[in-house]
Every structure is written in C-alpha cells, then in structure tokens.
Amino acid sequence: MRHLQQPMIKSFPVSTILGAILIIVIFSVDYFQLELVEIFLLFAAFVIVPLVITLLNYEEKSTLQRNIYTAMKWFQFPAALLALASMMSSKVWGLEGTSIPGTLSLGWLLLTLLLGLYGIATIALHKRKIAELAIGAGLVYFFVGGIWFTLYQYQWTLFQANPATHALSSVHFHFSSAIVPIFIGMLGRIMTKKSWYPWVVAIDIIGPILIAIGMIFSKPIEYVGVTLFACNIAIYTTYLLTYLKRNPLYKQAALFLILSCLAFYTIVVISMFYPLLKRRLDLTILDFIPIYGALHAFGFVLCGLIGWVFMVGSMKKHAPVPGGG
C-alpha cells in the first residue's frame, strides 16, 4: 500500500491536495451555506481543473503554450480562492445585490480564459490531428463555463435565462462539456485509429452546444444533445475497457479508469430504473440529482482524470529514450 501511495502523492501538485482538503471542509462545515450546484463548481475549481493542468504537464509544448501553462499553473489556486470568495460574499457575507461577487468571479474567468487560449493553441499546433482537436475543444469549453459562472455571480439575465440556469450551465461546461472531449482526445492519442473516431469527436464538440441551447431555449434540443453525448461516452468507456484489458501494464491507471467507467454505467442503470424507483420509493428527480452529481463528478470525472494522469505518466516513464540501445 505504501508503494502505491508514494507515486500517487508525487503525481499531483500541492494545490490539488490542498484543494481537495478544502472541498471536504466545505462539504462538512455548516458555515459554508452554499447550494449543491455551487459546491460542485468549487469542486471543479479546486480539484478538477488542477488535475487537468497536471495532465497537460506531460505534453510537448510550443513556446506560447509553455508561457500559458506557467501562468495557469501559478494562478489556478488564487483564482479558485477568488471563486470561493465570490460565492461566500453573496451567500454568507451579506454582499448579495452588490457588484462584489461578480467582480471576484473575474479571477476565475481569467483562469478559464487561459485554459481556452491553451486549447486554441493546441488546435492550431496540431491542425490535422483529430484527437488534439477534441482536447483543445474541451479546454475552450472551460472558458465557456467561466463565462456562465461570472454571469451567475453578477446575477445577470441572458437570453431570458435566470441566474439559476447560468449556474447549471456553468456546471455543465466545467464537467461534461470540457471533460468528455478531453477524455476522448486522450483515448485518441493511444488507440488504433478507427474510421468512426472523427464522428465521435465531432459529436463531442457539437453535443455540449446542443445541450446548452436546449437548457435555455428548447427541451427537445437538450434531450437530443444529452442522448448523443451519452452515446459518445458509452463508445469511449467500451473502447477504453477493451484497451485496458489488452494492455495490463498500467495497473494504477487501470484501477481509476475502470472505476470511472463503472460510475458512468451506474448512472445509466439508475436512469433506466428511475421510473420504477420513483413509484416504489416515492422519490422525485430532486432526490436523484445529488446521486447523479456525485457519481458523475467523483466517479466518472475525478477517477477518470486521476487514471489519465497515471496513464500518460506511465507512458512517458516507459517511453524509449531517443538514441538508446
């Protein structure tokens, strides 16, 4: 067990560990009178985004990307603290109705802008590599999530959508919209190329836009986007499990990636049995939202990111040395 924990600790920066501890405190202490959607946003700010930045650490970078990466690395934790202060000022410190929560949220907006710029640079640098397009698009979607977060903190109305919709849109873009393209892009880097892969990436980029439009304007469009997105994740998880079975060398990565896939399948099963559970146990959709959210955020997204960090780290470690004998 000690042999397993030591590489795990070394794989993640101190800011990620501190962020995880802080999120546990926020979940546990009554002083933080935050809504569930806000806690998930903070989880993204303190844990998910730094893991994404850690994942990008293993890439070959252009000079522009190295400069952006350095800025992201050093600004992430202060930006997350500003996001926390923004929420606390509107929920606990009695500053709702002022411009202070929105102004404080601009720090997180800037951090997501850096992620978006890094994503655009990735796409520009690898114009013909479809996997890099997916990863770049996912990073750009973080910036879209940052915009929705700032709109929520300013309590502005956009497209006749209320601030609560802005918060849900921000969660959507910080988790599914950003993370799934990154996962599928990471898979594209290691898989044997298939003719269907570009279609998966295309749907992966279009799906979040359909979902966002549907959340504001049209439920049927949202359902189409969600269905396409879920099918994409099913393809990703199925192929990933097959790859892990054929390549048993990456044990740490496999553990977390399998847990990530199982979390997704659990969500699917619960969704299928939701009508029955609703009738038998007298439950509403509000009772299931925390379950769905926890399985997605802590299961699919968190375990998946940890698994991919281990995967790319192991591949770099075992890569042949140029000029080696």
Protein backbone atom coordinates (compact mmCIF):
# COMPACT_ATOMS: atom_id res chain seq x y z
CA MET A 1 0.00 0.00 0.00
CA ARG A 2 2.83 2.43 0.84
CA HIS A 3 4.40 1.63 -2.54
CA LEU A 4 1.14 2.66 -4.23
CA GLN A 5 0.59 5.85 -2.20
CA GLN A 6 4.04 7.34 -2.81
CA PRO A 7 3.73 7.57 -6.62
CA MET A 8 0.17 8.85 -6.20
CA ILE A 9 1.27 11.73 -3.98
CA LYS A 10 4.16 12.63 -6.27
CA SER A 11 1.85 12.70 -9.31
CA PHE A 12 -0.26 15.60 -8.05
CA PRO A 13 0.76 19.17 -7.12
CA VAL A 14 0.28 20.53 -3.62
CA SER A 15 -2.51 22.85 -4.80
CA THR A 16 -4.63 19.84 -5.83
CA ILE A 17 -4.22 18.19 -2.44
CA LEU A 18 -4.96 21.44 -0.60
CA GLY A 19 -7.99 22.00 -2.81
CA ALA A 20 -9.32 18.51 -2.07
CA ILE A 21 -8.95 19.11 1.69
CA LEU A 22 -10.73 22.44 1.38
CA ILE A 23 -13.63 20.87 -0.54
CA ILE A 24 -14.04 18.26 2.21
CA VAL A 25 -14.20 21.09 4.76
CA ILE A 26 -16.79 22.96 2.66
CA PHE A 27 -18.92 19.81 2.44
CA SER A 28 -18.63 19.17 6.18
CA VAL A 29 -18.86 22.57 7.93
CA ASP A 30 -22.18 24.39 8.30
CA TYR A 31 -20.52 27.81 7.98
CA PHE A 32 -20.35 27.38 4.21
CA GLN A 33 -24.03 27.89 3.41
CA LEU A 34 -23.66 27.04 -0.27
CA GLU A 35 -26.05 25.29 -2.60
CA LEU A 36 -25.14 21.94 -4.10
CA VAL A 37 -24.54 23.39 -7.57
CA GLU A 38 -22.10 25.92 -6.06
CA ILE A 39 -20.19 23.22 -4.20
CA PHE A 40 -19.80 21.27 -7.45
CA LEU A 41 -18.45 24.42 -9.10
CA LEU A 42 -15.91 24.81 -6.30
CA PHE A 43 -15.01 21.14 -6.67
CA ALA A 44 -14.23 21.85 -10.31
CA ALA A 45 -12.18 24.93 -9.37
CA PHE A 46 -10.12 23.34 -6.60
CA VAL A 47 -9.77 19.73 -7.81
CA ILE A 48 -10.86 19.08 -11.40
CA VAL A 49 -9.11 21.99 -13.14
CA PRO A 50 -5.75 21.47 -11.37
CA LEU A 51 -5.90 17.80 -12.38
CA VAL A 52 -6.46 18.89 -15.98
CA ILE A 53 -3.46 21.22 -15.71
CA THR A 54 -1.43 18.32 -14.29
CA LEU A 55 -2.49 16.19 -17.27
CA LEU A 56 -1.28 18.90 -19.65
CA ASN A 57 2.11 18.90 -17.92
CA TYR A 58 3.11 15.76 -19.84
CA GLU A 59 2.59 17.32 -23.27
CA GLU A 60 5.16 18.62 -25.69
CA LYS A 61 4.53 22.38 -25.79
CA SER A 62 5.25 25.29 -28.08
CA THR A 63 6.77 28.45 -26.59
CA LEU A 64 3.32 30.07 -26.43
CA GLN A 65 1.84 27.02 -24.70
CA ARG A 66 4.69 26.93 -22.17
CA ASN A 67 4.03 30.57 -21.26
CA ILE A 68 0.28 30.00 -20.92
CA TYR A 69 0.86 26.79 -18.96
CA THR A 70 3.16 28.56 -16.46
CA ALA A 71 0.53 31.28 -15.94
CA MET A 72 -2.22 28.67 -15.43
CA LYS A 73 -0.12 26.65 -13.02
CA TRP A 74 0.63 29.58 -10.73
CA PHE A 75 -2.73 31.35 -10.98
CA GLN A 76 -5.07 28.35 -10.57
CA PHE A 77 -5.18 28.22 -6.76
CA PRO A 78 -5.53 32.02 -6.26
CA ALA A 79 -8.28 32.02 -8.91
CA ALA A 80 -10.09 29.18 -7.11
CA LEU A 81 -9.85 31.14 -3.84
CA LEU A 82 -11.36 34.15 -5.61
CA ALA A 83 -14.21 31.92 -6.85
CA LEU A 84 -14.79 30.77 -3.26
CA ALA A 85 -14.72 34.37 -2.00
CA SER A 86 -17.18 35.32 -4.74
CA MET A 87 -19.67 32.69 -3.57
CA MET A 88 -19.14 33.43 0.12
CA SER A 89 -19.70 37.16 -0.43
CA SER A 90 -23.10 36.51 -1.99
CA LYS A 91 -24.22 33.66 0.27
CA VAL A 92 -22.62 34.21 3.69
CA TRP A 93 -21.08 37.67 3.97
CA GLY A 94 -24.24 39.59 3.10
CA LEU A 95 -22.95 41.23 -0.09
CA GLU A 96 -25.60 39.84 -2.43
CA GLY A 97 -27.05 42.52 -4.69
CA THR A 98 -23.71 44.29 -4.94
CA SER A 99 -21.11 44.03 -7.70
CA ILE A 100 -18.54 42.43 -5.36
CA PRO A 101 -19.46 38.74 -6.01
CA GLY A 102 -19.30 39.32 -9.76
CA THR A 103 -16.03 41.25 -9.56
CA LEU A 104 -14.40 38.50 -7.50
CA SER A 105 -15.56 35.91 -10.05
CA LEU A 106 -13.47 37.62 -12.75
CA GLY A 107 -10.37 35.90 -11.35
CA TRP A 108 -11.81 32.50 -12.23
CA LEU A 109 -12.97 33.82 -15.59
CA LEU A 110 -9.36 34.81 -16.33
CA LEU A 111 -8.08 31.34 -15.39
CA THR A 112 -10.62 29.67 -17.69
CA LEU A 113 -9.61 32.13 -20.43
CA LEU A 114 -6.03 30.87 -20.10
CA LEU A 115 -7.31 27.29 -20.44
CA GLY A 116 -9.23 28.31 -23.54
CA LEU A 117 -6.19 30.01 -25.07
CA TYR A 118 -4.12 26.90 -24.38
CA GLY A 119 -6.81 24.85 -26.11
CA ILE A 120 -6.80 27.12 -29.17
CA ALA A 121 -3.00 26.91 -29.30
CA THR A 122 -3.27 23.09 -29.16
CA ILE A 123 -5.70 23.05 -32.08
CA ALA A 124 -3.52 25.45 -34.10
CA LEU A 125 -0.36 23.47 -33.41
CA HIS A 126 -1.88 20.11 -34.40
CA LYS A 127 -4.22 21.12 -37.21
CA ARG A 128 -4.67 17.67 -38.71
CA LYS A 129 -4.77 15.61 -35.52
CA ILE A 130 -8.37 14.93 -34.58
CA ALA A 131 -7.52 13.84 -31.01
CA GLU A 132 -5.84 17.21 -30.35
CA LEU A 133 -8.94 18.96 -31.71
CA ALA A 134 -11.03 17.17 -29.07
CA ILE A 135 -8.66 18.11 -26.24
CA GLY A 136 -8.44 21.71 -27.44
CA ALA A 137 -12.23 21.99 -27.67
CA GLY A 138 -12.59 20.65 -24.13
CA LEU A 139 -10.21 23.31 -22.82
CA VAL A 140 -12.13 26.03 -24.67
CA TYR A 141 -15.34 24.82 -23.04
CA PHE A 142 -13.83 25.59 -19.63
CA PHE A 143 -13.82 29.24 -20.69
CA VAL A 144 -17.50 28.99 -21.65
CA GLY A 145 -18.12 27.59 -18.16
CA GLY A 146 -16.23 30.53 -16.69
CA ILE A 147 -18.46 32.97 -18.57
CA TRP A 148 -21.59 31.31 -17.21
CA PHE A 149 -20.11 31.41 -13.69
CA THR A 150 -19.46 35.14 -13.92
CA LEU A 151 -22.98 35.74 -15.25
CA TYR A 152 -24.32 33.77 -12.28
CA GLN A 153 -22.29 35.76 -9.76
CA TYR A 154 -23.35 39.09 -11.27
CA GLN A 155 -26.95 37.74 -11.27
CA TRP A 156 -27.38 38.91 -14.84
CA THR A 157 -30.06 37.59 -17.17
CA LEU A 158 -29.02 36.38 -20.62
CA PHE A 159 -31.35 35.08 -23.32
CA GLN A 160 -34.19 35.31 -20.76
CA ALA A 161 -32.45 32.63 -18.69
CA ASN A 162 -32.40 33.21 -14.93
CA PRO A 163 -29.23 33.06 -12.78
CA ALA A 164 -30.05 29.52 -11.61
CA THR A 165 -29.84 28.38 -15.25
CA HIS A 166 -26.48 30.15 -15.52
CA ALA A 167 -25.20 28.11 -12.56
CA LEU A 168 -26.37 24.83 -14.11
CA SER A 169 -24.82 25.82 -17.45
CA SER A 170 -21.53 26.57 -15.70
CA VAL A 171 -21.52 23.14 -14.04
CA HIS A 172 -22.37 21.55 -17.39
CA PHE A 173 -19.39 23.19 -19.10
CA HIS A 174 -16.96 22.64 -16.21
CA PHE A 175 -17.70 18.92 -16.12
CA SER A 176 -19.31 17.10 -19.07
CA SER A 177 -18.65 19.59 -21.87
CA ALA A 178 -14.98 20.12 -21.01
CA ILE A 179 -14.02 16.75 -19.57
CA VAL A 180 -15.58 14.30 -22.05
CA PRO A 181 -13.78 15.79 -25.11
CA ILE A 182 -10.52 15.71 -23.15
CA PHE A 183 -11.09 12.05 -22.23
CA ILE A 184 -11.94 11.12 -25.82
CA GLY A 185 -8.93 13.08 -27.06
CA MET A 186 -6.66 11.23 -24.62
CA LEU A 187 -8.11 7.94 -25.86
CA GLY A 188 -7.48 9.05 -29.44
CA ARG A 189 -3.80 9.51 -28.65
CA ILE A 190 -3.33 5.88 -27.65
CA MET A 191 -5.91 3.95 -29.69
CA THR A 192 -5.55 2.38 -33.10
CA LYS A 193 -7.32 4.87 -35.33
CA LYS A 194 -10.83 3.89 -36.40
CA SER A 195 -12.99 5.35 -39.15
CA TRP A 196 -15.69 6.22 -36.62
CA TYR A 197 -13.40 8.21 -34.32
CA PRO A 198 -13.74 11.59 -36.15
CA TRP A 199 -17.52 11.28 -35.88
CA VAL A 200 -17.24 10.70 -32.14
CA VAL A 201 -15.09 13.84 -31.80
CA ALA A 202 -17.50 15.87 -33.96
CA ILE A 203 -20.49 14.85 -31.84
CA ASP A 204 -18.42 15.50 -28.74
CA ILE A 205 -17.88 19.09 -29.82
CA ILE A 206 -21.43 19.73 -31.06
CA GLY A 207 -23.21 17.91 -28.20
CA PRO A 208 -22.40 20.43 -25.42
CA ILE A 209 -23.60 23.28 -27.60
CA LEU A 210 -26.90 21.49 -28.26
CA ILE A 211 -27.33 20.82 -24.53
CA ALA A 212 -26.60 24.46 -23.62
CA ILE A 213 -29.03 25.76 -26.27
CA GLY A 214 -31.63 23.27 -25.11
CA MET A 215 -31.28 24.25 -21.44
CA ILE A 216 -32.18 27.84 -22.40
CA PHE A 217 -34.50 27.60 -25.39
CA SER A 218 -35.81 24.10 -26.08
CA LYS A 219 -36.08 20.90 -24.05
CA PRO A 220 -36.24 18.63 -27.15
CA ILE A 221 -32.89 20.03 -28.36
CA GLU A 222 -31.46 19.39 -24.89
CA TYR A 223 -32.67 15.78 -24.97
CA VAL A 224 -31.05 15.24 -28.40
CA GLY A 225 -27.77 16.68 -27.13
CA VAL A 226 -27.82 14.59 -23.96
CA THR A 227 -28.60 11.40 -25.92
CA LEU A 228 -25.77 11.98 -28.40
CA PHE A 229 -23.39 12.83 -25.59
CA ALA A 230 -24.34 9.72 -23.59
CA CYS A 231 -23.83 7.51 -26.65
CA ASN A 232 -20.39 9.04 -27.10
CA ILE A 233 -19.44 8.29 -23.51
CA ALA A 234 -20.70 4.72 -23.97
CA ILE A 235 -18.40 4.31 -27.00
CA TYR A 236 -15.48 5.85 -25.09
CA THR A 237 -15.90 3.67 -22.00
CA THR A 238 -16.39 0.47 -24.01
CA TYR A 239 -13.28 1.02 -26.11
CA LEU A 240 -11.27 2.13 -23.08
CA LEU A 241 -12.14 -1.01 -21.11
CA THR A 242 -11.16 -3.11 -24.12
CA TYR A 243 -7.84 -1.28 -24.36
CA LEU A 244 -7.11 -1.74 -20.65
CA LYS A 245 -7.86 -5.46 -20.90
CA ARG A 246 -5.37 -5.81 -23.77
CA ASN A 247 -2.73 -3.66 -22.04
CA PRO A 248 -2.48 -4.80 -18.40
CA LEU A 249 0.77 -2.90 -17.69
CA TYR A 250 -0.83 0.30 -16.41
CA LYS A 251 -2.25 -1.02 -13.13
CA GLN A 252 -2.68 2.30 -11.26
CA ALA A 253 -4.26 3.93 -14.29
CA ALA A 254 -6.50 0.92 -14.94
CA LEU A 255 -7.88 0.98 -11.39
CA PHE A 256 -9.13 4.54 -11.64
CA LEU A 257 -10.20 4.37 -15.29
CA ILE A 258 -12.27 1.26 -14.61
CA LEU A 259 -13.90 2.99 -11.64
CA SER A 260 -14.66 5.94 -13.92
CA CYS A 261 -16.33 3.68 -16.49
CA LEU A 262 -18.31 1.85 -13.79
CA ALA A 263 -19.59 5.17 -12.46
CA PHE A 264 -20.95 6.02 -15.90
CA TYR A 265 -22.64 2.62 -16.27
CA THR A 266 -24.14 3.04 -12.79
CA ILE A 267 -25.65 6.35 -13.88
CA VAL A 268 -27.14 4.63 -16.93
CA VAL A 269 -28.64 1.82 -14.84
CA ILE A 270 -30.13 4.25 -12.31
CA SER A 271 -31.60 6.29 -15.17
CA MET A 272 -33.20 3.18 -16.66
CA PHE A 273 -34.76 2.19 -13.35
CA TYR A 274 -35.67 5.74 -12.33
CA PRO A 275 -39.40 5.42 -13.23
CA LEU A 276 -39.69 2.23 -11.12
CA LEU A 277 -37.76 3.69 -8.18
CA LYS A 278 -39.83 6.85 -8.39
CA ARG A 279 -43.06 4.89 -7.99
CA ARG A 280 -41.88 2.33 -5.43
CA LEU A 281 -39.94 4.68 -3.13
CA ASP A 282 -41.94 7.88 -3.70
CA LEU A 283 -38.85 9.75 -4.91
CA THR A 284 -38.60 12.84 -7.12
CA ILE A 285 -35.94 13.93 -9.58
CA LEU A 286 -34.62 16.27 -6.86
CA ASP A 287 -33.78 13.20 -4.77
CA PHE A 288 -31.73 11.76 -7.63
CA ILE A 289 -29.78 14.91 -8.57
CA PRO A 290 -27.23 14.52 -5.70
CA ILE A 291 -26.76 10.84 -6.68
CA TYR A 292 -26.26 11.64 -10.36
CA GLY A 293 -24.00 14.56 -9.49
CA ALA A 294 -21.82 12.57 -7.10
CA LEU A 295 -21.44 9.62 -9.50
CA HIS A 296 -20.56 11.94 -12.36
CA ALA A 297 -18.25 14.34 -10.52
CA PHE A 298 -16.50 11.99 -8.10
CA GLY A 299 -16.83 8.79 -10.13
CA PHE A 300 -16.65 9.41 -13.85
CA VAL A 301 -14.76 12.74 -13.91
CA LEU A 302 -12.45 12.57 -10.87
CA CYS A 303 -11.46 8.91 -11.21
CA GLY A 304 -11.10 9.35 -14.96
CA LEU A 305 -8.74 12.31 -14.60
CA ILE A 306 -6.62 10.55 -11.99
CA GLY A 307 -6.47 7.49 -14.24
CA TRP A 308 -5.35 9.50 -17.27
CA VAL A 309 -2.71 11.33 -15.23
CA PHE A 310 -1.30 7.95 -14.22
CA MET A 311 -1.63 6.64 -17.78
CA VAL A 312 0.31 9.42 -19.50
CA GLY A 313 2.84 9.48 -16.66
CA SER A 314 3.49 5.76 -17.05
CA MET A 315 3.76 6.06 -20.82
CA LYS A 316 6.29 8.86 -20.54
CA LYS A 317 8.23 6.87 -17.95
CA HIS A 318 8.38 3.75 -20.11
CA ALA A 319 8.90 5.54 -23.42
CA PRO A 320 12.12 4.55 -25.21
CA VAL A 321 14.95 7.03 -24.82
CA PRO A 322 15.93 8.60 -28.18
CA GLY A 323 19.27 7.16 -29.26
CA GLY A 324 19.06 4.44 -26.62
CA GLY A 325 20.35 1.00 -27.32
